[in-house]
PDB file of all heavy atoms in Angstrom:
ATOM      1  N   ALA A   1     101.148  88.791 101.059  1.00  0.00           N
ATOM      2  CA  ALA A   1     100.249  90.052 101.293  1.00  0.00           C
ATOM      3  C   ALA A   1     101.170  91.248 101.551  1.00  0.00           C
ATOM      4  O   ALA A   1     100.787  92.348 100.997  1.00  0.00           O
ATOM      5  CB  ALA A   1      99.390  89.747 102.549  1.00  0.00           C
ATOM      6  N   ASP A   2     102.240  91.098 102.227  1.00  0.00           N
ATOM      7  CA  ASP A   2     103.178  92.215 102.432  1.00  0.00           C
ATOM      8  C   ASP A   2     103.692  92.781 101.116  1.00  0.00           C
ATOM      9  O   ASP A   2     103.735  93.977 100.930  1.00  0.00           O
ATOM     10  CB  ASP A   2     104.270  91.765 103.348  1.00  0.00           C
ATOM     11  CG  ASP A   2     104.430  92.572 104.622  1.00  0.00           C
ATOM     12  OD1 ASP A   2     103.520  93.240 105.028  1.00  0.00           O
ATOM     13  OD2 ASP A   2     105.615  92.473 105.168  1.00  0.00           O
ATOM     14  N   SER A   3     104.023  91.844 100.204  1.00  0.00           N
ATOM     15  CA  SER A   3     104.601  92.322  98.987  1.00  0.00           C
ATOM     16  C   SER A   3     103.601  93.075  98.179  1.00  0.00           C
ATOM     17  O   SER A   3     103.866  94.074  97.574  1.00  0.00           O
ATOM     18  CB  SER A   3     105.003  91.074  98.140  1.00  0.00           C
ATOM     19  OG  SER A   3     106.015  90.401  98.734  1.00  0.00           O
ATOM     20  N   ALA A   4     102.344  92.623  98.176  1.00  0.00           N
ATOM     21  CA  ALA A   4     101.278  93.295  97.554  1.00  0.00           C
ATOM     22  C   ALA A   4     100.965  94.686  98.165  1.00  0.00           C
ATOM     23  O   ALA A   4     100.693  95.682  97.531  1.00  0.00           O
ATOM     24  CB  ALA A   4      99.958  92.437  97.457  1.00  0.00           C
ATOM     25  N   MET A   5     101.028  94.713  99.571  1.00  0.00           N
ATOM     26  CA  MET A   5     100.868  95.969 100.279  1.00  0.00           C
ATOM     27  C   MET A   5     101.876  97.007  99.939  1.00  0.00           C
ATOM     28  O   MET A   5     101.540  98.172  99.698  1.00  0.00           O
ATOM     29  CB  MET A   5     100.830  95.680 101.748  1.00  0.00           C
ATOM     30  CG  MET A   5     100.616  96.836 102.665  1.00  0.00           C
ATOM     31  SD  MET A   5     102.059  97.708 103.333  1.00  0.00           S
ATOM     32  CE  MET A   5     102.847  96.450 104.094  1.00  0.00           C
ATOM     33  N   TYR A   6     103.116  96.584  99.808  1.00  0.00           N
ATOM     34  CA  TYR A   6     104.213  97.481  99.424  1.00  0.00           C
ATOM     35  C   TYR A   6     104.004  98.106  98.053  1.00  0.00           C
ATOM     36  O   TYR A   6     104.220  99.213  97.777  1.00  0.00           O
ATOM     37  CB  TYR A   6     105.569  96.913  99.583  1.00  0.00           C
ATOM     38  CG  TYR A   6     106.007  96.920 101.052  1.00  0.00           C
ATOM     39  CD1 TYR A   6     106.145  95.716 101.725  1.00  0.00           C
ATOM     40  CD2 TYR A   6     106.095  98.046 101.798  1.00  0.00           C
ATOM     41  CE1 TYR A   6     106.614  95.643 103.035  1.00  0.00           C
ATOM     42  CE2 TYR A   6     106.510  98.036 103.157  1.00  0.00           C
ATOM     43  CZ  TYR A   6     106.765  96.779 103.704  1.00  0.00           C
ATOM     44  OH  TYR A   6     107.092  96.732 105.133  1.00  0.00           O
ATOM     45  N   LEU A   7     103.475  97.324  97.130  1.00  0.00           N
ATOM     46  CA  LEU A   7     103.138  97.790  95.803  1.00  0.00           C
ATOM     47  C   LEU A   7     102.046  98.823  95.863  1.00  0.00           C
ATOM     48  O   LEU A   7     102.073  99.856  95.261  1.00  0.00           O
ATOM     49  CB  LEU A   7     102.671  96.636  94.912  1.00  0.00           C
ATOM     50  CG  LEU A   7     102.369  96.983  93.482  1.00  0.00           C
ATOM     51  CD1 LEU A   7     103.551  97.678  92.707  1.00  0.00           C
ATOM     52  CD2 LEU A   7     101.844  95.773  92.760  1.00  0.00           C
ATOM     53  N   ALA A   8     100.986  98.530  96.707  1.00  0.00           N
ATOM     54  CA  ALA A   8      99.859  99.505  96.907  1.00  0.00           C
ATOM     55  C   ALA A   8     100.482 100.900  97.435  1.00  0.00           C
ATOM     56  O   ALA A   8      99.991 101.884  96.962  1.00  0.00           O
ATOM     57  CB  ALA A   8      98.833  98.962  97.914  1.00  0.00           C
ATOM     58  N   LYS A   9     101.434 100.815  98.368  1.00  0.00           N
ATOM     59  CA  LYS A   9     102.052 102.043  98.903  1.00  0.00           C
ATOM     60  C   LYS A   9     102.859 102.688  97.761  1.00  0.00           C
ATOM     61  O   LYS A   9     102.765 103.994  97.719  1.00  0.00           O
ATOM     62  CB  LYS A   9     102.962 101.648 100.008  1.00  0.00           C
ATOM     63  CG  LYS A   9     102.312 101.520 101.309  1.00  0.00           C
ATOM     64  CD  LYS A   9     103.409 101.552 102.423  1.00  0.00           C
ATOM     65  CE  LYS A   9     102.699 101.555 103.809  1.00  0.00           C
ATOM     66  NZ  LYS A   9     101.841 102.613 104.094  1.00  0.00           N
ATOM     67  N   GLU A  10     103.601 101.996  97.034  1.00  0.00           N
ATOM     68  CA  GLU A  10     104.376 102.609  95.971  1.00  0.00           C
ATOM     69  C   GLU A  10     103.529 103.325  94.877  1.00  0.00           C
ATOM     70  O   GLU A  10     103.892 104.261  94.247  1.00  0.00           O
ATOM     71  CB  GLU A  10     105.197 101.516  95.230  1.00  0.00           C
ATOM     72  CG  GLU A  10     106.463 101.044  96.043  1.00  0.00           C
ATOM     73  CD  GLU A  10     107.271  99.957  95.282  1.00  0.00           C
ATOM     74  OE1 GLU A  10     107.051  99.806  94.105  1.00  0.00           O
ATOM     75  OE2 GLU A  10     107.965  99.180  96.031  1.00  0.00           O
ATOM     76  N   GLU A  11     102.339 102.718  94.657  1.00  0.00           N
ATOM     77  CA  GLU A  11     101.519 103.185  93.586  1.00  0.00           C
ATOM     78  C   GLU A  11     100.579 104.259  94.015  1.00  0.00           C
ATOM     79  O   GLU A  11      99.620 104.585  93.470  1.00  0.00           O
ATOM     80  CB  GLU A  11     100.768 102.060  92.891  1.00  0.00           C
ATOM     81  CG  GLU A  11     101.691 101.103  92.132  1.00  0.00           C
ATOM     82  CD  GLU A  11     100.961 100.051  91.408  1.00  0.00           C
ATOM     83  OE1 GLU A  11      99.778  99.779  91.633  1.00  0.00           O
ATOM     84  OE2 GLU A  11     101.586  99.374  90.627  1.00  0.00           O
ATOM     85  N   GLY A  12     100.777 104.835  95.263  1.00  0.00           N
ATOM     86  CA  GLY A  12     100.047 106.050  95.733  1.00  0.00           C
ATOM     87  C   GLY A  12      99.301 105.835  97.037  1.00  0.00           C
ATOM     88  O   GLY A  12      98.676 106.799  97.452  1.00  0.00           O
ATOM     89  N   LYS A  13      99.320 104.771  97.637  1.00  0.00           N
ATOM     90  CA  LYS A  13      98.654 104.536  98.930  1.00  0.00           C
ATOM     91  C   LYS A  13      97.157 104.582  98.856  1.00  0.00           C
ATOM     92  O   LYS A  13      96.511 104.775  97.825  1.00  0.00           O
ATOM     93  CB  LYS A  13      99.203 105.570  99.927  1.00  0.00           C
ATOM     94  CG  LYS A  13     100.686 105.534 100.125  1.00  0.00           C
ATOM     95  CD  LYS A  13     101.148 106.548 101.117  1.00  0.00           C
ATOM     96  CE  LYS A  13     102.726 106.315 101.185  1.00  0.00           C
ATOM     97  NZ  LYS A  13     103.288 107.542 101.744  1.00  0.00           N
ATOM     98  N   ASN A  14      96.426 104.319 100.056  1.00  0.00           N
ATOM     99  CA  ASN A  14      95.072 104.356 100.129  1.00  0.00           C
ATOM    100  C   ASN A  14      94.401 103.474  99.095  1.00  0.00           C
ATOM    101  O   ASN A  14      93.462 103.881  98.454  1.00  0.00           O
ATOM    102  CB  ASN A  14      94.477 105.727 100.057  1.00  0.00           C
ATOM    103  CG  ASN A  14      93.032 105.830 100.532  1.00  0.00           C
ATOM    104  OD1 ASN A  14      92.584 105.055 101.361  1.00  0.00           O
ATOM    105  ND2 ASN A  14      92.258 106.740 100.043  1.00  0.00           N
ATOM    106  N   ASP A  15      94.932 102.301  98.841  1.00  0.00           N
ATOM    107  CA  ASP A  15      94.349 101.373  97.914  1.00  0.00           C
ATOM    108  C   ASP A  15      94.735  99.915  98.241  1.00  0.00           C
ATOM    109  O   ASP A  15      95.359  99.755  99.263  1.00  0.00           O
ATOM    110  CB  ASP A  15      94.947 101.726  96.529  1.00  0.00           C
ATOM    111  CG  ASP A  15      93.957 101.238  95.391  1.00  0.00           C
ATOM    112  OD1 ASP A  15      92.945 100.652  95.712  1.00  0.00           O
ATOM    113  OD2 ASP A  15      94.238 101.571  94.200  1.00  0.00           O
ATOM    114  N   LEU A  16      94.313  99.034  97.496  1.00  0.00           N
ATOM    115  CA  LEU A  16      94.643  97.584  97.724  1.00  0.00           C
ATOM    116  C   LEU A  16      95.263  96.981  96.472  1.00  0.00           C
ATOM    117  O   LEU A  16      94.986  97.426  95.338  1.00  0.00           O
ATOM    118  CB  LEU A  16      93.351  96.920  98.194  1.00  0.00           C
ATOM    119  CG  LEU A  16      92.168  96.874  97.108  1.00  0.00           C
ATOM    120  CD1 LEU A  16      92.236  95.532  96.250  1.00  0.00           C
ATOM    121  CD2 LEU A  16      90.909  96.955  97.881  1.00  0.00           C
ATOM    122  N   ARG A  17      95.963  95.920  96.733  1.00  0.00           N
ATOM    123  CA  ARG A  17      96.602  95.127  95.623  1.00  0.00           C
ATOM    124  C   ARG A  17      96.479  93.631  96.039  1.00  0.00           C
ATOM    125  O   ARG A  17      96.817  93.264  97.126  1.00  0.00           O
ATOM    126  CB  ARG A  17      98.027  95.487  95.387  1.00  0.00           C
ATOM    127  CG  ARG A  17      98.282  96.813  94.796  1.00  0.00           C
ATOM    128  CD  ARG A  17      97.651  96.883  93.350  1.00  0.00           C
ATOM    129  NE  ARG A  17      97.922  98.260  92.794  1.00  0.00           N
ATOM    130  CZ  ARG A  17      97.026  99.227  92.891  1.00  0.00           C
ATOM    131  NH1 ARG A  17      95.959  98.995  93.583  1.00  0.00           N
ATOM    132  NH2 ARG A  17      97.353 100.417  92.341  1.00  0.00           N
ATOM    133  N   PHE A  18      96.156  92.744  95.124  1.00  0.00           N
ATOM    134  CA  PHE A  18      96.219  91.375  95.289  1.00  0.00           C
ATOM    135  C   PHE A  18      97.519  90.900  94.853  1.00  0.00           C
ATOM    136  O   PHE A  18      98.176  91.376  93.993  1.00  0.00           O
ATOM    137  CB  PHE A  18      95.127  90.643  94.420  1.00  0.00           C
ATOM    138  CG  PHE A  18      93.713  90.663  94.952  1.00  0.00           C
ATOM    139  CD1 PHE A  18      92.970  91.756  94.654  1.00  0.00           C
ATOM    140  CD2 PHE A  18      93.257  89.640  95.692  1.00  0.00           C
ATOM    141  CE1 PHE A  18      91.657  91.878  95.191  1.00  0.00           C
ATOM    142  CE2 PHE A  18      91.998  89.708  96.228  1.00  0.00           C
ATOM    143  CZ  PHE A  18      91.248  90.785  95.957  1.00  0.00           C
ATOM    144  N   PHE A  19      98.098  89.907  95.514  1.00  0.00           N
ATOM    145  CA  PHE A  19      99.391  89.335  95.237  1.00  0.00           C
ATOM    146  C   PHE A  19      99.227  88.568  93.945  1.00  0.00           C
ATOM    147  O   PHE A  19      98.190  88.067  93.546  1.00  0.00           O
ATOM    148  CB  PHE A  19      99.772  88.288  96.350  1.00  0.00           C
ATOM    149  CG  PHE A  19     101.025  87.611  95.969  1.00  0.00           C
ATOM    150  CD1 PHE A  19     102.282  88.263  96.281  1.00  0.00           C
ATOM    151  CD2 PHE A  19     101.077  86.340  95.498  1.00  0.00           C
ATOM    152  CE1 PHE A  19     103.462  87.673  95.886  1.00  0.00           C
ATOM    153  CE2 PHE A  19     102.249  85.745  95.127  1.00  0.00           C
ATOM    154  CZ  PHE A  19     103.491  86.388  95.352  1.00  0.00           C
ATOM    155  N   SER A  20     100.335  88.586  93.191  1.00  0.00           N
ATOM    156  CA  SER A  20     100.485  87.854  91.908  1.00  0.00           C
ATOM    157  C   SER A  20     101.937  87.490  91.720  1.00  0.00           C
ATOM    158  O   SER A  20     102.829  88.042  92.413  1.00  0.00           O
ATOM    159  CB  SER A  20     100.015  88.770  90.760  1.00  0.00           C
ATOM    160  OG  SER A  20     100.951  89.881  90.576  1.00  0.00           O
ATOM    161  N   ALA A  21     102.228  86.604  90.884  1.00  0.00           N
ATOM    162  CA  ALA A  21     103.506  86.133  90.539  1.00  0.00           C
ATOM    163  C   ALA A  21     104.297  87.310  90.021  1.00  0.00           C
ATOM    164  O   ALA A  21     105.579  87.388  90.195  1.00  0.00           O
ATOM    165  CB  ALA A  21     103.525  84.976  89.567  1.00  0.00           C
ATOM    166  N   ASP A  22     103.654  88.232  89.316  1.00  0.00           N
ATOM    167  CA  ASP A  22     104.329  89.449  88.719  1.00  0.00           C
ATOM    168  C   ASP A  22     104.899  90.236  89.874  1.00  0.00           C
ATOM    169  O   ASP A  22     106.076  90.825  89.746  1.00  0.00           O
ATOM    170  CB  ASP A  22     103.428  90.290  87.921  1.00  0.00           C
ATOM    171  CG  ASP A  22     103.071  89.653  86.629  1.00  0.00           C
ATOM    172  OD1 ASP A  22     103.748  88.697  86.159  1.00  0.00           O
ATOM    173  OD2 ASP A  22     102.058  90.081  85.985  1.00  0.00           O
ATOM    174  N   ILE A  23     104.185  90.404  90.967  1.00  0.00           N
ATOM    175  CA  ILE A  23     104.672  91.194  92.154  1.00  0.00           C
ATOM    176  C   ILE A  23     105.907  90.527  92.650  1.00  0.00           C
ATOM    177  O   ILE A  23     106.925  91.252  92.961  1.00  0.00           O
ATOM    178  CB  ILE A  23     103.604  91.320  93.282  1.00  0.00           C
ATOM    179  CG1 ILE A  23     102.472  92.150  92.724  1.00  0.00           C
ATOM    180  CG2 ILE A  23     104.186  91.800  94.528  1.00  0.00           C
ATOM    181  CD1 ILE A  23     101.276  92.233  93.632  1.00  0.00           C
ATOM    182  N   LYS A  24     105.945  89.219  92.774  1.00  0.00           N
ATOM    183  CA  LYS A  24     107.153  88.570  93.350  1.00  0.00           C
ATOM    184  C   LYS A  24     108.319  88.770  92.405  1.00  0.00           C
ATOM    185  O   LYS A  24     109.425  88.986  92.887  1.00  0.00           O
ATOM    186  CB  LYS A  24     106.835  87.091  93.495  1.00  0.00           C
ATOM    187  CG  LYS A  24     107.930  86.342  94.192  1.00  0.00           C
ATOM    188  CD  LYS A  24     107.498  84.910  94.566  1.00  0.00           C
ATOM    189  CE  LYS A  24     108.537  84.253  95.379  1.00  0.00           C
ATOM    190  NZ  LYS A  24     108.146  82.983  95.880  1.00  0.00           N
ATOM    191  N   THR A  25     108.103  88.627  91.094  1.00  0.00           N
ATOM    192  CA  THR A  25     109.197  88.871  90.115  1.00  0.00           C
ATOM    193  C   THR A  25     109.719  90.273  90.161  1.00  0.00           C
ATOM    194  O   THR A  25     110.969  90.506  90.199  1.00  0.00           O
ATOM    195  CB  THR A  25     108.609  88.571  88.750  1.00  0.00           C
ATOM    196  OG1 THR A  25     108.239  87.277  88.614  1.00  0.00           O
ATOM    197  CG2 THR A  25     109.753  88.757  87.652  1.00  0.00           C
ATOM    198  N   GLN A  26     108.837  91.312  90.270  1.00  0.00           N
ATOM    199  CA  GLN A  26     109.198  92.720  90.356  1.00  0.00           C
ATOM    200  C   GLN A  26     109.996  92.880  91.726  1.00  0.00           C
ATOM    201  O   GLN A  26     111.048  93.666  91.602  1.00  0.00           O
ATOM    202  CB  GLN A  26     108.018  93.589  90.409  1.00  0.00           C
ATOM    203  CG  GLN A  26     107.301  93.713  89.079  1.00  0.00           C
ATOM    204  CD  GLN A  26     106.004  94.473  89.240  1.00  0.00           C
ATOM    205  OE1 GLN A  26     105.560  94.879  90.328  1.00  0.00           O
ATOM    206  NE2 GLN A  26     105.267  94.758  88.069  1.00  0.00           N
ATOM    207  N   SER A  27     109.684  92.330  92.755  1.00  0.00           N
ATOM    208  CA  SER A  27     110.306  92.435  93.992  1.00  0.00           C
ATOM    209  C   SER A  27     111.773  91.882  93.901  1.00  0.00           C
ATOM    210  O   SER A  27     112.638  92.601  94.384  1.00  0.00           O
ATOM    211  CB  SER A  27     109.517  91.698  95.092  1.00  0.00           C
ATOM    212  OG  SER A  27     110.134  91.864  96.370  1.00  0.00           O
ATOM    213  N   VAL A  28     111.923  90.708  93.342  1.00  0.00           N
ATOM    214  CA  VAL A  28     113.243  90.149  93.200  1.00  0.00           C
ATOM    215  C   VAL A  28     114.120  90.987  92.259  1.00  0.00           C
ATOM    216  O   VAL A  28     115.301  91.335  92.544  1.00  0.00           O
ATOM    217  CB  VAL A  28     113.156  88.692  92.677  1.00  0.00           C
ATOM    218  CG1 VAL A  28     114.546  88.184  92.307  1.00  0.00           C
ATOM    219  CG2 VAL A  28     112.482  87.805  93.714  1.00  0.00           C
ATOM    220  N   GLU A  29     113.508  91.475  91.137  1.00  0.00           N
ATOM    221  CA  GLU A  29     114.278  92.337  90.284  1.00  0.00           C
ATOM    222  C   GLU A  29     114.716  93.632  90.817  1.00  0.00           C
ATOM    223  O   GLU A  29     115.800  94.068  90.676  1.00  0.00           O
ATOM    224  CB  GLU A  29     113.411  92.621  88.957  1.00  0.00           C
ATOM    225  CG  GLU A  29     113.218  91.413  88.044  1.00  0.00           C
ATOM    226  CD  GLU A  29     112.365  91.618  86.937  1.00  0.00           C
ATOM    227  OE1 GLU A  29     111.636  92.742  86.832  1.00  0.00           O
ATOM    228  OE2 GLU A  29     112.149  90.760  86.047  1.00  0.00           O
ATOM    229  N   ARG A  30     113.804  94.214  91.732  1.00  0.00           N
ATOM    230  CA  ARG A  30     114.082  95.425  92.321  1.00  0.00           C
ATOM    231  C   ARG A  30     115.255  95.236  93.325  1.00  0.00           C
ATOM    232  O   ARG A  30     116.257  96.112  93.400  1.00  0.00           O
ATOM    233  CB  ARG A  30     112.904  95.998  93.056  1.00  0.00           C
ATOM    234  CG  ARG A  30     113.143  97.325  93.737  1.00  0.00           C
ATOM    235  CD  ARG A  30     111.895  97.801  94.515  1.00  0.00           C
ATOM    236  NE  ARG A  30     112.196  99.094  94.954  1.00  0.00           N
ATOM    237  CZ  ARG A  30     111.398 100.152  94.654  1.00  0.00           C
ATOM    238  NH1 ARG A  30     110.345  99.923  93.957  1.00  0.00           N
ATOM    239  NH2 ARG A  30     111.645 101.312  95.122  1.00  0.00           N
ATOM    240  N   LEU A  31     115.326  94.177  94.124  1.00  0.00           N
ATOM    241  CA  LEU A  31     116.319  93.855  94.966  1.00  0.00           C
ATOM    242  C   LEU A  31     117.607  93.649  94.272  1.00  0.00           C
ATOM    243  O   LEU A  31     118.760  94.168  94.736  1.00  0.00           O
ATOM    244  CB  LEU A  31     116.022  92.635  95.877  1.00  0.00           C
ATOM    245  CG  LEU A  31     114.986  92.767  96.967  1.00  0.00           C
ATOM    246  CD1 LEU A  31     114.644  91.382  97.566  1.00  0.00           C
ATOM    247  CD2 LEU A  31     115.508  93.708  98.001  1.00  0.00           C
ATOM    248  N   MET A  32     117.620  93.071  93.149  1.00  0.00           N
ATOM    249  CA  MET A  32     118.849  92.796  92.433  1.00  0.00           C
ATOM    250  C   MET A  32     119.371  94.152  91.862  1.00  0.00           C
ATOM    251  O   MET A  32     120.507  94.384  91.879  1.00  0.00           O
ATOM    252  CB  MET A  32     118.538  91.827  91.305  1.00  0.00           C
ATOM    253  CG  MET A  32     118.408  90.370  91.796  1.00  0.00           C
ATOM    254  SD  MET A  32     117.936  89.209  90.491  1.00  0.00           S
ATOM    255  CE  MET A  32     119.267  89.400  89.372  1.00  0.00           C
ATOM    256  N   LEU A  33     118.451  95.006  91.363  1.00  0.00           N
ATOM    257  CA  LEU A  33     118.852  96.279  90.802  1.00  0.00           C
ATOM    258  C   LEU A  33     119.509  97.159  91.974  1.00  0.00           C
ATOM    259  O   LEU A  33     120.490  97.774  91.755  1.00  0.00           O
ATOM    260  CB  LEU A  33     117.672  96.966  90.168  1.00  0.00           C
ATOM    261  CG  LEU A  33     117.920  98.351  89.725  1.00  0.00           C
ATOM    262  CD1 LEU A  33     119.019  98.315  88.549  1.00  0.00           C
ATOM    263  CD2 LEU A  33     116.641  99.062  89.122  1.00  0.00           C
ATOM    264  N   GLU A  34     118.829  97.148  93.127  1.00  0.00           N
ATOM    265  CA  GLU A  34     119.403  97.874  94.326  1.00  0.00           C
ATOM    266  C   GLU A  34     120.745  97.400  94.597  1.00  0.00           C
ATOM    267  O   GLU A  34     121.639  98.275  94.855  1.00  0.00           O
ATOM    268  CB  GLU A  34     118.420  97.785  95.495  1.00  0.00           C
ATOM    269  CG  GLU A  34     117.181  98.622  95.286  1.00  0.00           C
ATOM    270  CD  GLU A  34     116.139  98.526  96.433  1.00  0.00           C
ATOM    271  OE1 GLU A  34     116.630  97.950  97.537  1.00  0.00           O
ATOM    272  OE2 GLU A  34     115.065  98.961  96.332  1.00  0.00           O
ATOM    273  N   ALA A  35     120.948  96.101  94.742  1.00  0.00           N
ATOM    274  CA  ALA A  35     122.226  95.611  95.090  1.00  0.00           C
ATOM    275  C   ALA A  35     123.305  95.985  94.003  1.00  0.00           C
ATOM    276  O   ALA A  35     124.437  96.279  94.307  1.00  0.00           O
ATOM    277  CB  ALA A  35     122.171  94.046  95.183  1.00  0.00           C
ATOM    278  N   GLY A  36     122.804  95.912  92.748  1.00  0.00           N
ATOM    279  CA  GLY A  36     123.774  96.281  91.630  1.00  0.00           C
ATOM    280  C   GLY A  36     124.168  97.713  91.652  1.00  0.00           C
ATOM    281  O   GLY A  36     125.388  98.012  91.369  1.00  0.00           O
ATOM    282  N   LEU A  37     123.221  98.547  91.946  1.00  0.00           N
ATOM    283  CA  LEU A  37     123.557 100.036  92.089  1.00  0.00           C
ATOM    284  C   LEU A  37     124.482 100.329  93.201  1.00  0.00           C
ATOM    285  O   LEU A  37     125.429 101.155  93.121  1.00  0.00           O
ATOM    286  CB  LEU A  37     122.270 100.831  92.143  1.00  0.00           C
ATOM    287  CG  LEU A  37     121.490 101.065  90.825  1.00  0.00           C
ATOM    288  CD1 LEU A  37     120.141 101.634  91.054  1.00  0.00           C
ATOM    289  CD2 LEU A  37     122.304 101.895  89.867  1.00  0.00           C
ATOM    290  N   ARG A  38     124.228  99.641  94.309  1.00  0.00           N
ATOM    291  CA  ARG A  38     125.192  99.812  95.508  1.00  0.00           C
ATOM    292  C   ARG A  38     126.611  99.411  95.070  1.00  0.00           C
ATOM    293  O   ARG A  38     127.581 100.129  95.367  1.00  0.00           O
ATOM    294  CB  ARG A  38     124.710  98.963  96.683  1.00  0.00           C
ATOM    295  CG  ARG A  38     123.663  99.682  97.437  1.00  0.00           C
ATOM    296  CD  ARG A  38     123.355  98.996  98.764  1.00  0.00           C
ATOM    297  NE  ARG A  38     122.210  99.605  99.430  1.00  0.00           N
ATOM    298  CZ  ARG A  38     120.876  99.265  99.234  1.00  0.00           C
ATOM    299  NH1 ARG A  38     120.751  98.156  98.386  1.00  0.00           N
ATOM    300  NH2 ARG A  38     119.891  99.784  99.735  1.00  0.00           N
ATOM    301  N   HIS A  39     126.719  98.274  94.443  1.00  0.00           N
ATOM    302  CA  HIS A  39     128.012  97.786  93.874  1.00  0.00           C
ATOM    303  C   HIS A  39     128.567  98.790  92.898  1.00  0.00           C
ATOM    304  O   HIS A  39     129.770  99.158  92.956  1.00  0.00           O
ATOM    305  CB  HIS A  39     127.795  96.479  93.198  1.00  0.00           C
ATOM    306  CG  HIS A  39     129.028  95.791  92.733  1.00  0.00           C
ATOM    307  ND1 HIS A  39     129.593  96.103  91.392  1.00  0.00           N
ATOM    308  CD2 HIS A  39     130.039  95.072  93.323  1.00  0.00           C
ATOM    309  CE1 HIS A  39     130.726  95.472  91.266  1.00  0.00           C
ATOM    310  NE2 HIS A  39     131.009  94.851  92.313  1.00  0.00           N
ATOM    311  N   ALA A  40     127.758  99.338  92.043  1.00  0.00           N
ATOM    312  CA  ALA A  40     128.231 100.320  91.071  1.00  0.00           C
ATOM    313  C   ALA A  40     128.816 101.590  91.685  1.00  0.00           C
ATOM    314  O   ALA A  40     129.821 102.131  91.432  1.00  0.00           O
ATOM    315  CB  ALA A  40     127.112 100.682  90.132  1.00  0.00           C
ATOM    316  N   LEU A  41     128.164 102.066  92.832  1.00  0.00           N
ATOM    317  CA  LEU A  41     128.572 103.170  93.524  1.00  0.00           C
ATOM    318  C   LEU A  41     129.922 102.969  94.156  1.00  0.00           C
ATOM    319  O   LEU A  41     130.865 103.746  94.112  1.00  0.00           O
ATOM    320  CB  LEU A  41     127.592 103.578  94.651  1.00  0.00           C
ATOM    321  CG  LEU A  41     126.399 104.500  94.145  1.00  0.00           C
ATOM    322  CD1 LEU A  41     125.352 104.520  95.260  1.00  0.00           C
ATOM    323  CD2 LEU A  41     126.836 105.847  93.721  1.00  0.00           C
ATOM    324  N   GLU A  42     130.041 101.749  94.790  1.00  0.00           N
ATOM    325  CA  GLU A  42     131.279 101.368  95.499  1.00  0.00           C
ATOM    326  C   GLU A  42     132.466 101.167  94.578  1.00  0.00           C
ATOM    327  O   GLU A  42     133.604 101.437  94.946  1.00  0.00           O
ATOM    328  CB  GLU A  42     131.018 100.106  96.301  1.00  0.00           C
ATOM    329  CG  GLU A  42     130.133 100.273  97.509  1.00  0.00           C
ATOM    330  CD  GLU A  42     129.655  98.929  98.060  1.00  0.00           C
ATOM    331  OE1 GLU A  42     130.056  97.841  97.668  1.00  0.00           O
ATOM    332  OE2 GLU A  42     128.788  98.985  99.019  1.00  0.00           O
ATOM    333  N   HIS A  43     132.165 100.902  93.247  1.00  0.00           N
ATOM    334  CA  HIS A  43     133.330 100.438  92.411  1.00  0.00           C
ATOM    335  C   HIS A  43     133.403 101.554  91.247  1.00  0.00           C
ATOM    336  O   HIS A  43     134.079 101.259  90.173  1.00  0.00           O
ATOM    337  CB  HIS A  43     132.979  99.135  91.779  1.00  0.00           C
ATOM    338  CG  HIS A  43     133.190  97.993  92.807  1.00  0.00           C
ATOM    339  ND1 HIS A  43     132.172  97.525  93.548  1.00  0.00           N
ATOM    340  CD2 HIS A  43     134.356  97.416  93.315  1.00  0.00           C
ATOM    341  CE1 HIS A  43     132.601  96.670  94.496  1.00  0.00           C
ATOM    342  NE2 HIS A  43     133.849  96.593  94.223  1.00  0.00           N
ATOM    343  N   GLY A  44     132.760 102.717  91.356  1.00  0.00           N
ATOM    344  CA  GLY A  44     132.949 103.698  90.462  1.00  0.00           C
ATOM    345  C   GLY A  44     132.475 103.463  88.988  1.00  0.00           C
ATOM    346  O   GLY A  44     132.975 103.884  88.064  1.00  0.00           O
ATOM    347  N   GLU A  45     131.354 102.632  88.917  1.00  0.00           N
ATOM    348  CA  GLU A  45     130.824 102.312  87.648  1.00  0.00           C
ATOM    349  C   GLU A  45     129.790 103.317  87.090  1.00  0.00           C
ATOM    350  O   GLU A  45     129.262 103.191  85.990  1.00  0.00           O
ATOM    351  CB  GLU A  45     130.093 100.963  87.705  1.00  0.00           C
ATOM    352  CG  GLU A  45     131.106  99.863  88.018  1.00  0.00           C
ATOM    353  CD  GLU A  45     130.388  98.520  88.241  1.00  0.00           C
ATOM    354  OE1 GLU A  45     129.187  98.403  88.228  1.00  0.00           O
ATOM    355  OE2 GLU A  45     131.166  97.481  88.670  1.00  0.00           O
ATOM    356  N   LEU A  46     129.517 104.385  87.887  1.00  0.00           N
ATOM    357  CA  LEU A  46     128.555 105.439  87.378  1.00  0.00           C
ATOM    358  C   LEU A  46     129.353 106.599  86.852  1.00  0.00           C
ATOM    359  O   LEU A  46     130.319 107.016  87.426  1.00  0.00           O
ATOM    360  CB  LEU A  46     127.663 105.777  88.551  1.00  0.00           C
ATOM    361  CG  LEU A  46     126.789 104.705  89.115  1.00  0.00           C
ATOM    362  CD1 LEU A  46     125.962 105.269  90.289  1.00  0.00           C
ATOM    363  CD2 LEU A  46     125.904 104.097  88.103  1.00  0.00           C
ATOM    364  N   ALA A  47     128.948 107.120  85.699  1.00  0.00           N
ATOM    365  CA  ALA A  47     129.639 108.291  85.088  1.00  0.00           C
ATOM    366  C   ALA A  47     128.575 109.353  84.786  1.00  0.00           C
ATOM    367  O   ALA A  47     127.472 109.091  84.300  1.00  0.00           O
ATOM    368  CB  ALA A  47     130.316 107.840  83.834  1.00  0.00           C
TER     369      ALA A  47
END
């Protein structure tokens, strides 16, 4: 429910979202992307 709620917030607030497997996949992908970008910043991979 928390994962679905954060999606409702990201998409403009004052709304509702039902949990789905897609939300879970998006959440994992986002965490991986954030970790990758932090690594890229630390290792000079951004130009």
